[in-house]
């Protein structure tokens, strides 16, 4: 009898404990949120606009607009968001007053006071966004005895170091070549395409190794490198052509082994580094060869050939992720071309970025790097006359700084989506609203919602069994930071 009473008592205790745990779980899952908004025809620029209260929600009905978040369904890890520090950006930056320099550094790289860029790219040798065309060696120096990066020490290296400091030491830098020296190419020209001559494949691989070592000796860690910027583009500026088979063989026979031999095998090697349209073909050719594939971290892509109406080729990214889930994809460059100073404040500039970023992340991108962080009032300097828009434009003569809404639309991602965050499941019930969501390591969720229409769009935000109503202003971007009383439970 005593044993039965003891057993019954234990059962009652267990039931009581389970009910307490259940009640505690209900408390832990109480959600609350803060909304940050940028909107046309307002002064809102990543401004705190609302604090949301969530209520127990019933079954959604079709006539309402909903956004659903599932924090337990996780996808790709995010490595960072940022922009390129080119010769052009660095040259313009050097002309500014100390006050302006501090303002820009803080605006781009401070996690607290700015938009918190955590990723950067820079050019190996000259590119179109350089004032001049240059290399790091003298002609016919096959053994690279004259290799010297003194050119970069004037503008680029000082800016990169300052950016890393303001970013708190976490600014992943990857580097990209636009062209080998003219004497290594079959057209004897850094410009206008051409191909790397077979007898210089190893010399060129060694050149890239020397660049990385030179930057690291200056106190600038290099996170990774791409094999070639836009390897299928014959440009009037620095360019070099590789077919998929040629890039595969250069990686397998020269660059990959050279990185390992030089102690740089941990650097992230990025293939393709060109547009979305051909990314699957390039990835497929390289990945079919295990000896090449083992050196490749992932595939970079741009957007320039995919701006025809709604034909953005986003699903090409998903095809790569589906076929090669162990590899990463990274947006490595994009900007709006054909600069016109009269259009610098037009709202569509930022919306083009917002649409691309949301769709790229939803299709598997692990990071997103804009092109030049900073340009002058002409959209340069640019030795090829290829003038473009940037998040910030500066008139060095007047000192006027113009922050385009590109800066703020990107900031809705870079400020709130931290390195090592994971994308989580997010869906909308109406195509007028674009959305994506991420969960950071601290458990806080960043939901990013874009309304590109002329209308106020009220929608219900549902997470688990709780919802709240939000008004998406016309032509707006919002980041909603969601928290619960036990964020660790959500993340693990």
Protein backbone atom coordinates (compact mmCIF):
# COMPACT_ATOMS: atom_id res chain seq x y z
CA UNK A 1 0.00 0.00 0.00
CA UNK A 2 2.84 2.37 0.90
CA UNK A 3 4.56 1.69 -2.44
CA UNK A 4 1.32 2.41 -4.33
CA UNK A 5 0.84 5.71 -2.50
CA UNK A 6 4.44 6.64 -3.24
CA UNK A 7 3.98 5.81 -6.93
CA UNK A 8 0.74 7.82 -7.06
CA UNK A 9 2.46 10.75 -5.38
CA UNK A 10 5.29 10.69 -7.89
CA UNK A 11 2.79 10.73 -10.73
CA UNK A 12 1.06 13.78 -9.24
CA UNK A 13 4.39 15.56 -8.86
CA UNK A 14 5.28 14.75 -12.47
CA UNK A 15 1.93 16.05 -13.73
CA UNK A 16 2.36 19.22 -11.68
CA UNK A 17 5.89 19.77 -13.03
CA UNK A 18 4.79 19.19 -16.62
CA UNK A 19 1.94 21.67 -16.26
CA UNK A 20 4.37 24.19 -14.82
CA UNK A 21 6.78 23.63 -17.72
CA UNK A 22 3.90 24.06 -20.17
CA UNK A 23 2.85 27.29 -18.47
CA UNK A 24 6.44 28.52 -18.45
CA UNK A 25 6.74 27.73 -22.16
CA UNK A 26 3.65 29.83 -22.82
CA UNK A 27 5.29 32.69 -20.93
CA UNK A 28 8.60 32.21 -22.70
CA UNK A 29 6.92 32.38 -26.08
CA UNK A 30 5.31 35.76 -25.53
CA UNK A 31 6.55 37.87 -28.43
CA UNK A 32 7.14 41.60 -28.70
CA UNK A 33 8.73 43.70 -31.42
CA UNK A 34 10.18 47.05 -32.47
CA UNK A 35 9.67 48.48 -35.96
CA UNK A 36 12.24 50.58 -37.86
CA UNK A 37 11.07 52.30 -41.05
CA UNK A 38 12.33 54.19 -44.10
CA UNK A 39 9.61 55.71 -46.28
CA UNK A 40 9.22 58.02 -49.23
CA UNK A 41 7.83 61.53 -48.62
CA UNK A 42 8.67 61.29 -44.91
CA UNK A 43 11.65 62.02 -42.69
CA UNK A 44 11.82 58.36 -41.66
CA UNK A 45 15.26 56.86 -42.30
CA UNK A 46 15.72 53.58 -40.41
CA UNK A 47 13.68 55.34 -37.72
CA UNK A 48 12.03 53.63 -34.77
CA UNK A 49 8.33 53.94 -35.55
CA UNK A 50 6.43 51.43 -33.45
CA UNK A 51 6.51 48.93 -30.61
CA UNK A 52 4.27 45.94 -31.25
CA UNK A 53 2.15 43.97 -28.83
CA UNK A 54 1.18 40.43 -29.85
CA UNK A 55 -2.08 38.69 -29.07
CA UNK A 56 -3.19 35.08 -29.24
CA UNK A 57 -4.22 34.50 -32.85
CA UNK A 58 -6.93 32.38 -34.38
CA UNK A 59 -6.91 30.74 -37.81
CA UNK A 60 -5.96 33.34 -40.49
CA UNK A 61 -8.64 34.17 -43.03
CA UNK A 62 -7.99 34.71 -46.71
CA UNK A 63 -9.41 38.21 -47.07
CA UNK A 64 -6.71 39.64 -44.78
CA UNK A 65 -3.05 40.15 -45.65
CA UNK A 66 -0.61 38.05 -43.61
CA UNK A 67 3.10 37.53 -43.16
CA UNK A 68 4.02 34.24 -41.49
CA UNK A 69 7.31 33.52 -39.71
CA UNK A 70 8.50 30.10 -38.56
CA UNK A 71 11.66 30.53 -36.44
CA UNK A 72 12.27 26.78 -36.26
CA UNK A 73 12.77 26.34 -40.02
CA UNK A 74 16.28 27.54 -40.74
CA UNK A 75 18.19 27.80 -43.98
CA UNK A 76 21.52 29.31 -45.06
CA UNK A 77 23.98 31.07 -42.76
CA UNK A 78 24.72 34.74 -43.51
CA UNK A 79 28.40 35.72 -43.64
CA UNK A 80 27.93 39.48 -43.92
CA UNK A 81 26.60 42.50 -45.81
CA UNK A 82 28.63 45.43 -47.08
CA UNK A 83 30.18 47.27 -50.01
CA UNK A 84 33.36 47.61 -52.04
CA UNK A 85 36.25 49.86 -51.09
CA UNK A 86 37.56 50.66 -54.56
CA UNK A 87 40.27 53.07 -55.67
CA UNK A 88 37.51 55.54 -56.54
CA UNK A 89 35.92 55.40 -53.08
CA UNK A 90 39.29 55.69 -51.36
CA UNK A 91 40.46 58.62 -53.51
CA UNK A 92 37.26 60.56 -52.81
CA UNK A 93 37.44 59.74 -49.10
CA UNK A 94 41.00 61.09 -48.87
CA UNK A 95 39.84 64.51 -50.14
CA UNK A 96 37.31 64.98 -47.33
CA UNK A 97 37.81 66.83 -44.08
CA UNK A 98 38.53 64.80 -40.96
CA UNK A 99 34.99 65.51 -39.74
CA UNK A 100 33.46 64.21 -42.97
CA UNK A 101 35.69 61.15 -42.92
CA UNK A 102 34.63 60.33 -39.39
CA UNK A 103 30.99 60.80 -40.31
CA UNK A 104 31.21 58.44 -43.27
CA UNK A 105 33.18 55.78 -41.41
CA UNK A 106 30.65 55.82 -38.61
CA UNK A 107 27.71 55.84 -41.03
CA UNK A 108 28.90 52.75 -42.90
CA UNK A 109 30.74 50.70 -40.30
CA UNK A 110 29.62 51.52 -36.77
CA UNK A 111 27.32 48.74 -35.47
CA UNK A 112 25.68 51.15 -33.03
CA UNK A 113 25.58 54.55 -34.78
CA UNK A 114 25.66 53.45 -38.42
CA UNK A 115 24.43 50.65 -40.63
CA UNK A 116 27.13 48.25 -39.47
CA UNK A 117 28.74 46.91 -42.67
CA UNK A 118 30.57 43.64 -41.94
CA UNK A 119 31.75 42.69 -45.43
CA UNK A 120 34.02 44.42 -47.97
CA UNK A 121 35.55 43.82 -51.37
CA UNK A 122 38.51 45.48 -53.04
CA UNK A 123 40.15 45.28 -56.44
CA UNK A 124 43.50 43.56 -57.14
CA UNK A 125 45.16 46.03 -59.50
CA UNK A 126 43.12 48.59 -61.37
CA UNK A 127 39.47 48.33 -62.35
CA UNK A 128 37.08 50.73 -64.09
CA UNK A 129 36.64 52.56 -60.76
CA UNK A 130 40.30 53.61 -60.62
CA UNK A 131 41.65 56.94 -61.81
CA UNK A 132 44.39 55.17 -63.71
CA UNK A 133 45.26 51.71 -65.00
CA UNK A 134 48.05 49.97 -63.08
CA UNK A 135 49.64 46.67 -62.06
CA UNK A 136 52.05 45.71 -59.26
CA UNK A 137 54.97 44.48 -61.40
CA UNK A 138 57.08 45.70 -64.28
CA UNK A 139 56.76 44.20 -67.75
CA UNK A 140 57.99 40.65 -68.36
CA UNK A 141 58.82 40.07 -64.68
CA UNK A 142 57.81 36.42 -64.74
CA UNK A 143 59.31 35.77 -61.30
CA UNK A 144 57.50 38.79 -59.76
CA UNK A 145 60.66 40.22 -58.23
CA UNK A 146 59.34 43.77 -58.68
CA UNK A 147 55.96 43.07 -57.05
CA UNK A 148 54.98 46.13 -55.00
CA UNK A 149 51.66 47.43 -53.64
CA UNK A 150 52.87 50.98 -52.98
CA UNK A 151 50.04 52.27 -55.21
CA UNK A 152 47.45 50.97 -52.73
CA UNK A 153 49.22 52.44 -49.72
CA UNK A 154 48.25 55.96 -50.75
CA UNK A 155 44.46 55.65 -50.58
CA UNK A 156 42.95 52.15 -50.38
CA UNK A 157 44.92 50.58 -47.56
CA UNK A 158 44.46 53.53 -45.15
CA UNK A 159 40.69 53.52 -45.76
CA UNK A 160 40.38 49.75 -45.33
CA UNK A 161 42.27 49.92 -42.03
CA UNK A 162 40.06 52.73 -40.74
CA UNK A 163 36.92 50.86 -41.77
CA UNK A 164 38.08 47.74 -39.97
CA UNK A 165 38.72 49.73 -36.81
CA UNK A 166 35.29 51.37 -36.79
CA UNK A 167 33.67 48.01 -37.55
CA UNK A 168 35.21 46.68 -34.35
CA UNK A 169 37.66 44.40 -36.13
CA UNK A 170 34.99 42.33 -37.86
CA UNK A 171 35.13 43.33 -41.52
CA UNK A 172 35.59 40.32 -43.79
CA UNK A 173 37.54 41.42 -46.89
CA UNK A 174 37.66 39.55 -50.14
CA UNK A 175 39.74 40.59 -53.14
CA UNK A 176 39.12 40.33 -56.89
CA UNK A 177 41.31 40.74 -59.99
CA UNK A 178 40.00 42.53 -63.10
CA UNK A 179 42.95 41.66 -65.35
CA UNK A 180 46.48 40.27 -65.32
CA UNK A 181 49.23 42.58 -66.63
CA UNK A 182 49.06 43.07 -70.40
CA UNK A 183 52.16 40.97 -71.09
CA UNK A 184 50.52 37.90 -69.54
CA UNK A 185 47.55 38.05 -71.98
CA UNK A 186 47.02 37.00 -75.57
CA UNK A 187 45.83 40.49 -76.60
CA UNK A 188 48.71 42.27 -74.81
CA UNK A 189 46.17 44.62 -73.24
CA UNK A 190 44.73 44.91 -69.73
CA UNK A 191 41.50 46.12 -71.31
CA UNK A 192 39.14 44.62 -73.91
CA UNK A 193 38.98 41.05 -72.65
CA UNK A 194 41.72 38.76 -73.90
CA UNK A 195 42.87 35.58 -72.18
CA UNK A 196 45.63 34.63 -69.79
CA UNK A 197 48.39 32.94 -71.77
CA UNK A 198 48.97 29.30 -70.70
CA UNK A 199 52.66 29.93 -69.95
CA UNK A 200 51.65 32.50 -67.33
CA UNK A 201 48.92 30.59 -65.49
CA UNK A 202 51.23 29.76 -62.59
CA UNK A 203 52.83 33.22 -62.62
CA UNK A 204 49.37 34.77 -62.32
CA UNK A 205 48.41 32.42 -59.47
CA UNK A 206 51.62 33.42 -57.67
CA UNK A 207 50.77 37.10 -58.31
CA UNK A 208 47.46 36.69 -56.49
CA UNK A 209 49.23 34.95 -53.61
CA UNK A 210 51.70 37.82 -53.36
CA UNK A 211 48.86 40.31 -53.21
CA UNK A 212 47.22 38.53 -50.28
CA UNK A 213 50.50 38.20 -48.40
CA UNK A 214 51.30 41.88 -49.04
CA UNK A 215 47.96 43.03 -47.65
CA UNK A 216 48.26 40.77 -44.64
CA UNK A 217 51.73 42.14 -43.95
CA UNK A 218 50.05 45.57 -43.80
CA UNK A 219 47.76 44.29 -41.04
CA UNK A 220 44.77 43.63 -43.32
CA UNK A 221 43.46 40.05 -43.07
CA UNK A 222 42.03 38.73 -46.33
CA UNK A 223 38.95 36.54 -45.89
CA UNK A 224 38.82 35.29 -49.46
CA UNK A 225 39.29 35.96 -53.16
CA UNK A 226 37.49 35.48 -56.43
CA UNK A 227 39.22 33.89 -59.39
CA UNK A 228 38.28 36.64 -61.86
CA UNK A 229 35.83 39.51 -61.96
CA UNK A 230 33.24 38.94 -64.71
CA UNK A 231 35.11 36.22 -66.65
CA UNK A 232 32.69 36.33 -69.61
CA UNK A 233 32.66 40.13 -70.15
CA UNK A 234 34.79 41.85 -72.78
CA UNK A 235 34.89 45.38 -71.38
CA UNK A 236 36.54 48.60 -72.52
CA UNK A 237 38.14 48.58 -69.08
CA UNK A 238 40.22 45.88 -67.35
CA UNK A 239 38.86 42.43 -68.17
CA UNK A 240 39.95 38.86 -68.86
CA UNK A 241 37.99 35.93 -70.28
CA UNK A 242 37.75 32.38 -68.88
CA UNK A 243 35.38 29.74 -70.15
CA UNK A 244 33.95 27.47 -67.48
CA UNK A 245 36.49 24.79 -68.41
CA UNK A 246 39.38 27.26 -68.29
CA UNK A 247 38.37 28.58 -64.86
CA UNK A 248 37.97 25.01 -63.62
CA UNK A 249 41.43 24.03 -64.85
CA UNK A 250 43.09 27.20 -63.52
CA UNK A 251 41.61 26.48 -60.08
CA UNK A 252 42.54 22.80 -60.16
CA UNK A 253 46.05 23.06 -61.58
CA UNK A 254 47.31 26.44 -60.44
CA UNK A 255 45.41 28.68 -58.05
CA UNK A 256 44.04 26.05 -55.66
CA UNK A 257 47.37 24.25 -55.12
CA UNK A 258 49.20 27.59 -54.90
CA UNK A 259 46.92 28.77 -52.09
CA UNK A 260 47.50 25.56 -50.15
CA UNK A 261 51.27 25.65 -50.72
CA UNK A 262 51.41 29.28 -49.52
CA UNK A 263 49.55 28.44 -46.30
CA UNK A 264 46.40 30.18 -47.57
CA UNK A 265 44.24 27.11 -48.04
CA UNK A 266 41.67 28.45 -45.58
CA UNK A 267 40.91 31.48 -47.75
CA UNK A 268 37.45 31.36 -49.31
CA UNK A 269 37.87 30.85 -53.06
CA UNK A 270 34.94 32.25 -55.07
CA UNK A 271 34.34 31.11 -58.64
CA UNK A 272 32.29 32.79 -61.39
CA UNK A 273 31.87 36.31 -59.88
CA UNK A 274 29.61 37.31 -62.77
CA UNK A 275 25.86 37.52 -63.47
CA UNK A 276 22.97 35.40 -62.22
CA UNK A 277 22.02 34.25 -65.71
CA UNK A 278 24.93 31.83 -66.29
CA UNK A 279 25.75 30.91 -62.68
CA UNK A 280 24.34 27.38 -62.86
CA UNK A 281 26.32 26.45 -65.97
CA UNK A 282 29.56 27.69 -64.41
CA UNK A 283 28.88 25.94 -61.11
CA UNK A 284 27.94 22.70 -62.84
CA UNK A 285 31.14 22.52 -64.90
CA UNK A 286 33.39 23.23 -61.93
CA UNK A 287 31.55 20.96 -59.50
CA UNK A 288 31.69 18.00 -61.88
CA UNK A 289 35.45 17.92 -61.32
CA UNK A 290 36.20 16.89 -57.69
CA UNK A 291 39.80 18.12 -57.95
CA UNK A 292 38.60 21.64 -58.78
CA UNK A 293 35.52 21.56 -56.55
CA UNK A 294 37.52 20.83 -53.39
CA UNK A 295 39.18 24.26 -53.56
CA UNK A 296 35.97 26.25 -54.17
CA UNK A 297 34.10 27.80 -51.23
CA UNK A 298 31.26 29.01 -53.41
CA UNK A 299 30.07 31.06 -56.35
CA UNK A 300 29.79 34.83 -56.66
CA UNK A 301 27.28 36.63 -58.83
CA UNK A 302 26.27 40.12 -60.09
CA UNK A 303 23.01 41.50 -61.43
CA UNK A 304 23.91 43.44 -64.60
CA UNK A 305 22.47 41.12 -67.26
CA UNK A 306 19.25 40.43 -65.39
CA UNK A 307 17.44 43.76 -65.18
CA UNK A 308 15.02 43.11 -68.06
CA UNK A 309 11.62 43.83 -66.55
CA UNK A 310 10.74 41.16 -64.00
CA UNK A 311 13.20 38.65 -65.49
CA UNK A 312 15.69 38.73 -62.63
CA UNK A 313 16.77 35.06 -62.74
CA UNK A 314 16.59 34.72 -58.94
CA UNK A 315 15.74 31.03 -59.16
CA UNK A 316 19.10 30.32 -60.80
CA UNK A 317 20.54 30.84 -57.33
CA UNK A 318 18.15 28.31 -55.86
CA UNK A 319 19.14 25.79 -58.54
CA UNK A 320 22.79 26.10 -57.49
CA UNK A 321 21.92 25.68 -53.80
CA UNK A 322 19.74 22.67 -54.55
CA UNK A 323 22.37 20.98 -56.70
CA UNK A 324 25.41 21.82 -54.57
CA UNK A 325 24.20 22.36 -50.98
CA UNK A 326 27.71 22.17 -49.52
CA UNK A 327 28.76 25.31 -51.45
CA UNK A 328 27.84 28.93 -50.82
CA UNK A 329 26.56 31.70 -53.08
CA UNK A 330 27.42 35.34 -52.59
CA UNK A 331 26.26 38.55 -54.26
CA UNK A 332 29.65 40.11 -55.00
CA UNK A 333 28.75 43.24 -56.97
CA UNK A 334 25.89 45.38 -58.14
CA UNK A 335 25.20 49.04 -58.80
CA UNK A 336 22.85 51.18 -60.86
CA UNK A 337 24.62 52.37 -63.98
CA UNK A 338 24.34 55.48 -66.18
CA UNK A 339 24.65 58.03 -63.40
CA UNK A 340 22.48 61.14 -63.66
CA UNK A 341 22.90 63.70 -60.88
CA UNK A 342 19.35 64.93 -61.46
CA UNK A 343 18.00 61.52 -60.36
CA UNK A 344 20.12 61.06 -57.25
CA UNK A 345 17.17 61.43 -54.87
CA UNK A 346 14.70 59.30 -56.82
CA UNK A 347 13.13 56.59 -54.70
CA UNK A 348 13.37 53.74 -57.20
CA UNK A 349 17.12 53.57 -56.61
CA UNK A 350 16.73 52.05 -53.16
CA UNK A 351 13.73 49.96 -54.16
CA UNK A 352 15.78 48.25 -56.84
CA UNK A 353 18.23 47.22 -54.10
CA UNK A 354 15.48 46.18 -51.72
CA UNK A 355 13.81 43.91 -54.26
CA UNK A 356 17.13 42.31 -55.23
CA UNK A 357 18.28 41.74 -51.66
CA UNK A 358 15.02 40.19 -50.48
CA UNK A 359 14.83 37.84 -53.46
CA UNK A 360 18.52 36.95 -53.38
CA UNK A 361 18.39 35.99 -49.72
CA UNK A 362 15.15 34.06 -50.18
CA UNK A 363 16.84 32.08 -52.93
CA UNK A 364 19.84 31.13 -50.83
CA UNK A 365 22.45 33.91 -50.89
CA UNK A 366 24.93 33.78 -47.99
CA UNK A 367 25.85 37.46 -48.19
CA UNK A 368 25.49 40.65 -50.18
CA UNK A 369 28.19 43.16 -51.22
CA UNK A 370 27.30 46.39 -53.00
CA UNK A 371 29.77 48.02 -55.40
CA UNK A 372 31.47 51.37 -54.51
CA UNK A 373 30.57 52.61 -51.04
CA UNK A 374 31.26 56.21 -52.07
CA UNK A 375 31.54 58.21 -55.33
CA UNK A 376 31.81 61.84 -56.33
CA UNK A 377 29.23 64.18 -57.82
CA UNK A 378 29.85 62.76 -61.31
CA UNK A 379 29.48 59.08 -60.34
CA UNK A 380 33.24 58.55 -60.51
CA UNK A 381 36.19 58.81 -60.63
CA UNK A 382 36.31 56.23 -63.39
CA UNK A 383 39.02 55.99 -66.03
CA UNK A 384 36.64 54.18 -68.42
CA UNK A 385 33.80 56.71 -68.24
CA UNK A 386 31.50 54.11 -66.72
CA UNK A 387 29.79 56.37 -64.17
CA UNK A 388 27.38 54.84 -61.62
CA UNK A 389 25.35 55.45 -58.47
CA UNK A 390 26.57 54.70 -54.94
CA UNK A 391 24.92 54.78 -51.49
CA UNK A 392 26.67 58.10 -50.80
CA UNK A 393 27.86 60.77 -53.22
CA UNK A 394 30.24 63.57 -52.29
CA UNK A 395 31.02 66.87 -53.95
CA UNK A 396 34.64 67.40 -52.84
CA UNK A 397 34.50 71.06 -53.90
CA UNK A 398 31.54 71.98 -51.72
CA UNK A 399 31.83 69.22 -49.12
CA UNK A 400 28.19 68.25 -49.62
CA UNK A 401 27.37 64.64 -48.71
CA UNK A 402 24.28 63.08 -50.31
CA UNK A 403 22.94 59.89 -48.75
CA UNK A 404 20.76 58.21 -51.35
CA UNK A 405 18.00 55.89 -50.23
CA UNK A 406 20.25 53.03 -51.44
CA UNK A 407 22.16 53.62 -48.20
CA UNK A 408 19.04 53.23 -46.06
CA UNK A 409 17.52 50.29 -47.92
CA UNK A 410 20.77 48.36 -47.55
CA UNK A 411 20.99 49.50 -43.94
CA UNK A 412 17.73 47.74 -43.14
CA UNK A 413 19.68 44.53 -43.72
CA UNK A 414 23.24 45.30 -42.64
CA UNK A 415 22.32 46.97 -39.36
CA UNK A 416 20.07 44.19 -38.12
CA UNK A 417 21.22 40.95 -39.81
CA UNK A 418 24.50 40.03 -38.15
CA UNK A 419 27.20 37.63 -39.35
CA UNK A 420 26.29 34.02 -38.54
CA UNK A 421 22.57 34.76 -38.62
CA UNK A 422 20.40 32.20 -40.39
CA UNK A 423 17.55 32.85 -42.75
CA UNK A 424 14.27 31.42 -41.44
CA UNK A 425 10.99 30.56 -43.09
CA UNK A 426 8.88 33.58 -44.02
CA UNK A 427 5.93 33.87 -46.39
CA UNK A 428 3.45 36.53 -47.46
CA UNK A 429 -0.12 36.11 -48.68
CA UNK A 430 0.03 38.99 -51.17
CA UNK A 431 2.68 39.72 -53.81
CA UNK A 432 2.51 43.45 -53.08
CA UNK A 433 4.58 42.85 -49.94
CA UNK A 434 8.12 41.48 -50.23
CA UNK A 435 9.62 39.93 -47.12
CA UNK A 436 12.49 37.87 -45.74
CA UNK A 437 13.50 36.98 -42.18
CA UNK A 438 16.61 35.99 -40.22
CA UNK A 439 17.43 34.84 -36.72
CA UNK A 440 20.61 36.17 -35.15
CA UNK A 441 22.87 34.28 -32.77
CA UNK A 442 21.30 36.11 -29.81
CA UNK A 443 17.89 34.76 -30.82
CA UNK A 444 16.45 38.05 -32.00
CA UNK A 445 14.59 37.85 -35.31
CA UNK A 446 14.95 40.47 -38.06
CA UNK A 447 11.96 40.53 -40.41
CA UNK A 448 12.45 42.82 -43.41
CA UNK A 449 9.35 43.96 -45.28
CA UNK A 450 9.20 46.12 -48.40
CA UNK A 451 6.11 47.87 -49.74
CA UNK A 452 6.92 49.17 -53.26
CA UNK A 453 3.34 50.30 -53.96
CA UNK A 454 1.59 53.67 -53.67
CA UNK A 455 -0.78 52.33 -51.01
CA UNK A 456 -0.82 51.83 -47.27
CA UNK A 457 -0.82 48.07 -46.77
CA UNK A 458 -2.07 46.79 -43.42
CA UNK A 459 -0.95 43.27 -42.69
CA UNK A 460 -1.08 40.76 -39.85
CA UNK A 461 2.27 39.46 -38.66
CA UNK A 462 1.91 35.91 -37.32
CA UNK A 463 4.64 34.10 -35.41
CA UNK A 464 3.73 30.76 -33.85
CA UNK A 465 0.25 31.40 -32.39
CA UNK A 466 0.54 35.17 -31.86
CA UNK A 467 -0.09 38.08 -34.21
CA UNK A 468 0.06 41.84 -34.46
CA UNK A 469 -1.21 44.32 -37.05
CA UNK A 470 1.29 46.56 -38.90
CA UNK A 471 0.82 49.38 -41.40
CA UNK A 472 3.36 49.29 -44.24
CA UNK A 473 3.66 52.87 -45.50
CA UNK A 474 3.68 53.52 -49.27
CA UNK A 475 7.12 52.99 -50.83
CA UNK A 476 8.67 51.88 -47.58
CA UNK A 477 11.14 49.41 -46.12
CA UNK A 478 10.77 48.21 -42.56
CA UNK A 479 12.81 46.00 -40.28
CA UNK A 480 10.84 44.43 -37.43
CA UNK A 481 12.99 43.12 -34.58
CA UNK A 482 11.12 40.36 -32.76
CA UNK A 483 12.10 39.12 -29.32
CA UNK A 484 10.70 36.65 -26.85
CA UNK A 485 11.39 36.29 -23.17
CA UNK A 486 13.58 33.24 -23.86
CA UNK A 487 15.42 33.89 -27.12
CA UNK A 488 17.87 31.04 -26.57
CA UNK A 489 15.03 28.52 -26.81
CA UNK A 490 14.08 29.91 -30.21
CA UNK A 491 17.57 29.81 -31.65
CA UNK A 492 18.85 26.43 -30.51
